[in-house]
């Protein structure tokens, strides 16, 4: 994988936590930051994709109405 450099600002508290975690785990701050970014991007991408799929299903009429749910669960 080709790496590219970026620059960003983080709070002093986050920087201190990152440094402590790096020291505690024997990992570099760069490794931990890259891992955190990768996990965040994976989760956010999954959520956006799932939301878009849900909207698509709703637009295609593929959903259960609240009244049907209430009937199935005997809720008034």
PDB file of N, CA and C in Angstrom:
ATOM      1  N   UNK A   1       0.849  -1.177   0.000  1.00  0.00           N
ATOM      2  CA  UNK A   1       0.000   0.000   0.000  1.00  0.00           C
ATOM      3  C   UNK A   1       0.897   1.244   0.000  1.00  0.00           C
ATOM      4  N   UNK A   2       0.591   2.161  -0.861  1.00  0.00           N
ATOM      5  CA  UNK A   2       1.326   3.413  -0.921  1.00  0.00           C
ATOM      6  C   UNK A   2       0.778   4.353   0.144  1.00  0.00           C
ATOM      7  N   UNK A   3       1.662   4.973   0.894  1.00  0.00           N
ATOM      8  CA  UNK A   3       1.245   5.898   1.948  1.00  0.00           C
ATOM      9  C   UNK A   3       1.394   7.330   1.469  1.00  0.00           C
ATOM     10  N   UNK A   4       0.499   8.159   1.951  1.00  0.00           N
ATOM     11  CA  UNK A   4       0.583   9.591   1.689  1.00  0.00           C
ATOM     12  C   UNK A   4       0.513  10.321   3.011  1.00  0.00           C
ATOM     13  N   UNK A   5       1.124  11.443   3.068  1.00  0.00           N
ATOM     14  CA  UNK A   5       1.170  12.210   4.301  1.00  0.00           C
ATOM     15  C   UNK A   5       0.034  13.225   4.344  1.00  0.00           C
ATOM     16  N   UNK A   6      -0.584  13.348   5.522  1.00  0.00           N
ATOM     17  CA  UNK A   6      -1.561  14.401   5.758  1.00  0.00           C
ATOM     18  C   UNK A   6      -1.189  15.097   7.070  1.00  0.00           C
ATOM     19  N   UNK A   7      -1.760  16.229   7.284  1.00  0.00           N
ATOM     20  CA  UNK A   7      -1.529  16.966   8.518  1.00  0.00           C
ATOM     21  C   UNK A   7      -2.884  17.303   9.119  1.00  0.00           C
ATOM     22  N   UNK A   8      -3.010  17.120  10.425  1.00  0.00           N
ATOM     23  CA  UNK A   8      -4.260  17.476  11.069  1.00  0.00           C
ATOM     24  C   UNK A   8      -3.990  17.934  12.491  1.00  0.00           C
ATOM     25  N   UNK A   9      -4.959  18.646  13.023  1.00  0.00           N
ATOM     26  CA  UNK A   9      -4.859  19.117  14.400  1.00  0.00           C
ATOM     27  C   UNK A   9      -5.771  18.269  15.268  1.00  0.00           C
ATOM     28  N   UNK A  10      -5.270  17.895  16.434  1.00  0.00           N
ATOM     29  CA  UNK A  10      -6.076  17.189  17.414  1.00  0.00           C
ATOM     30  C   UNK A  10      -5.903  17.892  18.753  1.00  0.00           C
ATOM     31  N   UNK A  11      -6.823  17.643  19.659  1.00  0.00           N
ATOM     32  CA  UNK A  11      -6.740  18.281  20.971  1.00  0.00           C
ATOM     33  C   UNK A  11      -5.517  17.767  21.734  1.00  0.00           C
ATOM     34  N   UNK A  12      -5.081  18.542  22.692  1.00  0.00           N
ATOM     35  CA  UNK A  12      -3.955  18.149  23.529  1.00  0.00           C
ATOM     36  C   UNK A  12      -4.273  16.838  24.247  1.00  0.00           C
ATOM     37  N   UNK A  13      -5.515  16.723  24.711  1.00  0.00           N
ATOM     38  CA  UNK A  13      -5.924  15.511  25.418  1.00  0.00           C
ATOM     39  C   UNK A  13      -5.839  14.283  24.520  1.00  0.00           C
ATOM     40  N   UNK A  14      -6.303  14.420  23.268  1.00  0.00           N
ATOM     41  CA  UNK A  14      -6.230  13.297  22.329  1.00  0.00           C
ATOM     42  C   UNK A  14      -4.781  12.939  22.026  1.00  0.00           C
ATOM     43  N   UNK A  15      -3.949  13.941  21.889  1.00  0.00           N
ATOM     44  CA  UNK A  15      -2.535  13.693  21.613  1.00  0.00           C
ATOM     45  C   UNK A  15      -1.890  12.945  22.770  1.00  0.00           C
ATOM     46  N   UNK A  16      -2.216  13.354  23.985  1.00  0.00           N
ATOM     47  CA  UNK A  16      -1.659  12.681  25.158  1.00  0.00           C
ATOM     48  C   UNK A  16      -2.142  11.235  25.252  1.00  0.00           C
ATOM     49  N   UNK A  17      -3.419  11.024  24.961  1.00  0.00           N
ATOM     50  CA  UNK A  17      -3.958   9.661  24.978  1.00  0.00           C
ATOM     51  C   UNK A  17      -3.286   8.800  23.911  1.00  0.00           C
ATOM     52  N   UNK A  18      -3.091   9.369  22.733  1.00  0.00           N
ATOM     53  CA  UNK A  18      -2.440   8.652  21.644  1.00  0.00           C
ATOM     54  C   UNK A  18      -1.015   8.272  22.031  1.00  0.00           C
ATOM     55  N   UNK A  19      -0.297   9.213  22.628  1.00  0.00           N
ATOM     56  CA  UNK A  19       1.079   8.937  23.043  1.00  0.00           C
ATOM     57  C   UNK A  19       1.121   7.849  24.114  1.00  0.00           C
ATOM     58  N   UNK A  20       0.205   7.909  25.072  1.00  0.00           N
ATOM     59  CA  UNK A  20       0.151   6.905  26.133  1.00  0.00           C
ATOM     60  C   UNK A  20      -0.194   5.523  25.569  1.00  0.00           C
ATOM     61  N   UNK A  21      -1.154   5.487  24.663  1.00  0.00           N
ATOM     62  CA  UNK A  21      -1.537   4.223  24.053  1.00  0.00           C
ATOM     63  C   UNK A  21      -0.392   3.642  23.233  1.00  0.00           C
ATOM     64  N   UNK A  22       0.298   4.489  22.512  1.00  0.00           N
ATOM     65  CA  UNK A  22       1.442   4.030  21.712  1.00  0.00           C
ATOM     66  C   UNK A  22       2.510   3.426  22.619  1.00  0.00           C
ATOM     67  N   UNK A  23       2.794   4.125  23.696  1.00  0.00           N
ATOM     68  CA  UNK A  23       3.802   3.631  24.638  1.00  0.00           C
ATOM     69  C   UNK A  23       3.351   2.319  25.281  1.00  0.00           C
ATOM     70  N   UNK A  24       2.084   2.241  25.666  1.00  0.00           N
ATOM     71  CA  UNK A  24       1.546   1.057  26.346  1.00  0.00           C
ATOM     72  C   UNK A  24       1.499  -0.169  25.445  1.00  0.00           C
ATOM     73  N   UNK A  25       1.241   0.047  24.167  1.00  0.00           N
ATOM     74  CA  UNK A  25       1.082  -1.083  23.241  1.00  0.00           C
ATOM     75  C   UNK A  25       2.331  -1.404  22.436  1.00  0.00           C
ATOM     76  N   UNK A  26       3.307  -0.521  22.501  1.00  0.00           N
ATOM     77  CA  UNK A  26       4.509  -0.729  21.695  1.00  0.00           C
ATOM     78  C   UNK A  26       4.288  -0.452  20.220  1.00  0.00           C
ATOM     79  N   UNK A  27       3.213   0.230  19.911  1.00  0.00           N
ATOM     80  CA  UNK A  27       2.900   0.606  18.528  1.00  0.00           C
ATOM     81  C   UNK A  27       3.263   2.075  18.322  1.00  0.00           C
ATOM     82  N   UNK A  28       3.456   2.443  17.078  1.00  0.00           N
ATOM     83  CA  UNK A  28       3.741   3.848  16.794  1.00  0.00           C
ATOM     84  C   UNK A  28       2.442   4.659  16.802  1.00  0.00           C
ATOM     85  N   UNK A  29       2.578   5.949  17.057  1.00  0.00           N
ATOM     86  CA  UNK A  29       1.408   6.833  16.987  1.00  0.00           C
ATOM     87  C   UNK A  29       0.823   6.795  15.582  1.00  0.00           C
ATOM     88  N   UNK A  30       1.679   6.713  14.587  1.00  0.00           N
ATOM     89  CA  UNK A  30       1.215   6.650  13.208  1.00  0.00           C
ATOM     90  C   UNK A  30       0.371   5.400  12.965  1.00  0.00           C
ATOM     91  N   UNK A  31       0.841   4.253  13.462  1.00  0.00           N
ATOM     92  CA  UNK A  31       0.081   3.004  13.296  1.00  0.00           C
ATOM     93  C   UNK A  31      -1.290   3.127  13.936  1.00  0.00           C
ATOM     94  N   UNK A  32      -1.328   3.618  15.172  1.00  0.00           N
ATOM     95  CA  UNK A  32      -2.598   3.731  15.890  1.00  0.00           C
ATOM     96  C   UNK A  32      -3.549   4.707  15.210  1.00  0.00           C
ATOM     97  N   UNK A  33      -3.025   5.834  14.739  1.00  0.00           N
ATOM     98  CA  UNK A  33      -3.869   6.815  14.055  1.00  0.00           C
ATOM     99  C   UNK A  33      -4.412   6.241  12.749  1.00  0.00           C
ATOM    100  N   UNK A  34      -3.558   5.549  12.003  1.00  0.00           N
ATOM    101  CA  UNK A  34      -4.001   4.929  10.744  1.00  0.00           C
ATOM    102  C   UNK A  34      -5.064   3.869  11.007  1.00  0.00           C
ATOM    103  N   UNK A  35      -4.855   3.064  12.040  1.00  0.00           N
ATOM    104  CA  UNK A  35      -5.818   2.020  12.400  1.00  0.00           C
ATOM    105  C   UNK A  35      -7.157   2.650  12.778  1.00  0.00           C
ATOM    106  N   UNK A  36      -7.118   3.711  13.563  1.00  0.00           N
ATOM    107  CA  UNK A  36      -8.359   4.386  13.982  1.00  0.00           C
ATOM    108  C   UNK A  36      -9.085   4.980  12.778  1.00  0.00           C
ATOM    109  N   UNK A  37      -8.359   5.600  11.885  1.00  0.00           N
ATOM    110  CA  UNK A  37      -8.970   6.188  10.680  1.00  0.00           C
ATOM    111  C   UNK A  37      -9.579   5.087   9.812  1.00  0.00           C
ATOM    112  N   UNK A  38      -8.849   3.998   9.619  1.00  0.00           N
ATOM    113  CA  UNK A  38      -9.360   2.880   8.808  1.00  0.00           C
ATOM    114  C   UNK A  38     -10.667   2.333   9.386  1.00  0.00           C
ATOM    115  N   UNK A  39     -10.695   2.124  10.702  1.00  0.00           N
ATOM    116  CA  UNK A  39     -11.894   1.590  11.346  1.00  0.00           C
ATOM    117  C   UNK A  39     -13.061   2.570  11.239  1.00  0.00           C
ATOM    118  N   UNK A  40     -12.784   3.850  11.423  1.00  0.00           N
ATOM    119  CA  UNK A  40     -13.823   4.872  11.306  1.00  0.00           C
ATOM    120  C   UNK A  40     -14.399   4.894   9.899  1.00  0.00           C
ATOM    121  N   UNK A  41     -13.537   4.891   8.900  1.00  0.00           N
ATOM    122  CA  UNK A  41     -13.993   4.933   7.509  1.00  0.00           C
ATOM    123  C   UNK A  41     -14.811   3.693   7.156  1.00  0.00           C
ATOM    124  N   UNK A  42     -14.383   2.541   7.650  1.00  0.00           N
ATOM    125  CA  UNK A  42     -15.126   1.299   7.385  1.00  0.00           C
ATOM    126  C   UNK A  42     -16.528   1.371   7.998  1.00  0.00           C
ATOM    127  N   UNK A  43     -16.616   1.805   9.245  1.00  0.00           N
ATOM    128  CA  UNK A  43     -17.906   1.893   9.924  1.00  0.00           C
ATOM    129  C   UNK A  43     -18.815   2.922   9.265  1.00  0.00           C
ATOM    130  N   UNK A  44     -18.293   4.099   8.999  1.00  0.00           N
ATOM    131  CA  UNK A  44     -19.104   5.149   8.392  1.00  0.00           C
ATOM    132  C   UNK A  44     -19.570   4.755   6.988  1.00  0.00           C
ATOM    133  N   UNK A  45     -18.693   4.126   6.217  1.00  0.00           N
ATOM    134  CA  UNK A  45     -19.058   3.680   4.873  1.00  0.00           C
ATOM    135  C   UNK A  45     -20.176   2.654   4.939  1.00  0.00           C
ATOM    136  N   UNK A  46     -20.068   1.713   5.900  1.00  0.00           N
ATOM    137  CA  UNK A  46     -21.099   0.702   6.070  1.00  0.00           C
ATOM    138  C   UNK A  46     -22.427   1.361   6.439  1.00  0.00           C
ATOM    139  N   UNK A  47     -22.404   2.301   7.381  1.00  0.00           N
ATOM    140  CA  UNK A  47     -23.636   2.950   7.810  1.00  0.00           C
ATOM    141  C   UNK A  47     -24.293   3.722   6.672  1.00  0.00           C
ATOM    142  N   UNK A  48     -23.524   4.486   5.942  1.00  0.00           N
ATOM    143  CA  UNK A  48     -24.068   5.261   4.822  1.00  0.00           C
ATOM    144  C   UNK A  48     -24.659   4.324   3.781  1.00  0.00           C
ATOM    145  N   UNK A  49     -23.954   3.247   3.484  1.00  0.00           N
ATOM    146  CA  UNK A  49     -24.449   2.272   2.506  1.00  0.00           C
ATOM    147  C   UNK A  49     -25.761   1.643   2.970  1.00  0.00           C
ATOM    148  N   UNK A  50     -25.832   1.283   4.251  1.00  0.00           N
ATOM    149  CA  UNK A  50     -27.055   0.670   4.788  1.00  0.00           C
ATOM    150  C   UNK A  50     -28.219   1.660   4.762  1.00  0.00           C
ATOM    151  N   UNK A  51     -27.952   2.908   5.093  1.00  0.00           N
ATOM    152  CA  UNK A  51     -29.001   3.936   5.060  1.00  0.00           C
ATOM    153  C   UNK A  51     -29.496   4.136   3.630  1.00  0.00           C
ATOM    154  N   UNK A  52     -28.572   4.236   2.695  1.00  0.00           N
ATOM    155  CA  UNK A  52     -28.957   4.418   1.294  1.00  0.00           C
ATOM    156  C   UNK A  52     -29.775   3.236   0.795  1.00  0.00           C
ATOM    157  N   UNK A  53     -29.409   2.025   1.191  1.00  0.00           N
ATOM    158  CA  UNK A  53     -30.158   0.841   0.792  1.00  0.00           C
ATOM    159  C   UNK A  53     -31.563   0.873   1.397  1.00  0.00           C
ATOM    160  N   UNK A  54     -31.664   1.294   2.650  1.00  0.00           N
ATOM    161  CA  UNK A  54     -32.970   1.407   3.293  1.00  0.00           C
ATOM    162  C   UNK A  54     -33.858   2.421   2.606  1.00  0.00           C
ATOM    163  N   UNK A  55     -33.303   3.543   2.227  1.00  0.00           N
ATOM    164  CA  UNK A  55     -34.069   4.569   1.509  1.00  0.00           C
ATOM    165  C   UNK A  55     -34.536   4.028   0.159  1.00  0.00           C
ATOM    166  N   UNK A  56     -33.649   3.308  -0.510  1.00  0.00           N
ATOM    167  CA  UNK A  56     -34.002   2.705  -1.802  1.00  0.00           C
ATOM    168  C   UNK A  56     -35.171   1.731  -1.638  1.00  0.00           C
ATOM    169  N   UNK A  57     -35.117   0.898  -0.583  1.00  0.00           N
ATOM    170  CA  UNK A  57     -36.194  -0.058  -0.340  1.00  0.00           C
ATOM    171  C   UNK A  57     -37.508   0.670  -0.039  1.00  0.00           C
ATOM    172  N   UNK A  58     -37.447   1.705   0.759  1.00  0.00           N
ATOM    173  CA  UNK A  58     -38.651   2.480   1.068  1.00  0.00           C
ATOM    174  C   UNK A  58     -39.230   3.083  -0.201  1.00  0.00           C
ATOM    175  N   UNK A  59     -38.370   3.656  -1.025  1.00  0.00           N
ATOM    176  CA  UNK A  59     -38.831   4.259  -2.284  1.00  0.00           C
ATOM    177  C   UNK A  59     -39.444   3.231  -3.223  1.00  0.00           C
ATOM    178  N   UNK A  60     -39.036   1.972  -3.091  1.00  0.00           N
ATOM    179  CA  UNK A  60     -39.590   0.899  -3.913  1.00  0.00           C
ATOM    180  C   UNK A  60     -40.785   0.215  -3.244  1.00  0.00           C
ATOM    181  N   UNK A  61     -41.226   0.767  -2.115  1.00  0.00           N
ATOM    182  CA  UNK A  61     -42.390   0.222  -1.423  1.00  0.00           C
ATOM    183  C   UNK A  61     -42.098  -1.027  -0.603  1.00  0.00           C
ATOM    184  N   UNK A  62     -40.844  -1.304  -0.353  1.00  0.00           N
ATOM    185  CA  UNK A  62     -40.463  -2.508   0.393  1.00  0.00           C
ATOM    186  C   UNK A  62     -40.285  -2.158   1.872  1.00  0.00           C
ATOM    187  N   UNK A  63     -41.402  -2.056   2.573  1.00  0.00           N
ATOM    188  CA  UNK A  63     -41.347  -1.765   3.995  1.00  0.00           C
ATOM    189  C   UNK A  63     -42.623  -2.247   4.656  1.00  0.00           C
ATOM    190  N   UNK A  64     -42.605  -2.322   5.956  1.00  0.00           N
ATOM    191  CA  UNK A  64     -43.763  -2.729   6.735  1.00  0.00           C
ATOM    192  C   UNK A  64     -44.316  -1.471   7.396  1.00  0.00           C
ATOM    193  N   UNK A  65     -45.606  -1.274   7.281  1.00  0.00           N
ATOM    194  CA  UNK A  65     -46.205  -0.078   7.878  1.00  0.00           C
ATOM    195  C   UNK A  65     -46.269  -0.222   9.392  1.00  0.00           C
ATOM    196  N   UNK A  66     -46.341   0.887  10.070  1.00  0.00           N
ATOM    197  CA  UNK A  66     -46.441   0.883  11.523  1.00  0.00           C
ATOM    198  C   UNK A  66     -47.715   0.181  11.977  1.00  0.00           C
ATOM    199  N   UNK A  67     -48.779   0.311  11.201  1.00  0.00           N
ATOM    200  CA  UNK A  67     -50.029  -0.372  11.549  1.00  0.00           C
ATOM    201  C   UNK A  67     -49.872  -1.890  11.501  1.00  0.00           C
ATOM    202  N   UNK A  68     -49.133  -2.392  10.508  1.00  0.00           N
ATOM    203  CA  UNK A  68     -48.881  -3.833  10.426  1.00  0.00           C
ATOM    204  C   UNK A  68     -48.032  -4.308  11.601  1.00  0.00           C
ATOM    205  N   UNK A  69     -47.069  -3.516  11.989  1.00  0.00           N
ATOM    206  CA  UNK A  69     -46.235  -3.872  13.132  1.00  0.00           C
ATOM    207  C   UNK A  69     -47.080  -3.927  14.399  1.00  0.00           C
ATOM    208  N   UNK A  70     -47.925  -2.921  14.575  1.00  0.00           N
ATOM    209  CA  UNK A  70     -48.805  -2.893  15.755  1.00  0.00           C
ATOM    210  C   UNK A  70     -49.727  -4.109  15.783  1.00  0.00           C
ATOM    211  N   UNK A  71     -50.263  -4.491  14.621  1.00  0.00           N
ATOM    212  CA  UNK A  71     -51.137  -5.668  14.560  1.00  0.00           C
ATOM    213  C   UNK A  71     -50.369  -6.924  14.951  1.00  0.00           C
ATOM    214  N   UNK A  72     -49.180  -7.092  14.405  1.00  0.00           N
ATOM    215  CA  UNK A  72     -48.367  -8.284  14.685  1.00  0.00           C
ATOM    216  C   UNK A  72     -47.986  -8.384  16.155  1.00  0.00           C
ATOM    217  N   UNK A  73     -47.814  -7.255  16.801  1.00  0.00           N
ATOM    218  CA  UNK A  73     -47.387  -7.243  18.198  1.00  0.00           C
ATOM    219  C   UNK A  73     -48.533  -6.940  19.162  1.00  0.00           C
ATOM    220  N   UNK A  74     -49.719  -6.884  18.668  1.00  0.00           N
ATOM    221  CA  UNK A  74     -50.901  -6.569  19.485  1.00  0.00           C
ATOM    222  C   UNK A  74     -50.712  -5.275  20.278  1.00  0.00           C
ATOM    223  N   UNK A  75     -50.249  -4.260  19.589  1.00  0.00           N
ATOM    224  CA  UNK A  75     -50.053  -2.947  20.192  1.00  0.00           C
ATOM    225  C   UNK A  75     -51.139  -2.020  19.683  1.00  0.00           C
ATOM    226  N   UNK A  76     -51.682  -1.237  20.564  1.00  0.00           N
ATOM    227  CA  UNK A  76     -52.735  -0.305  20.127  1.00  0.00           C
ATOM    228  C   UNK A  76     -52.207   1.075  20.000  1.00  0.00           C
TER     229      UNK A  76
END
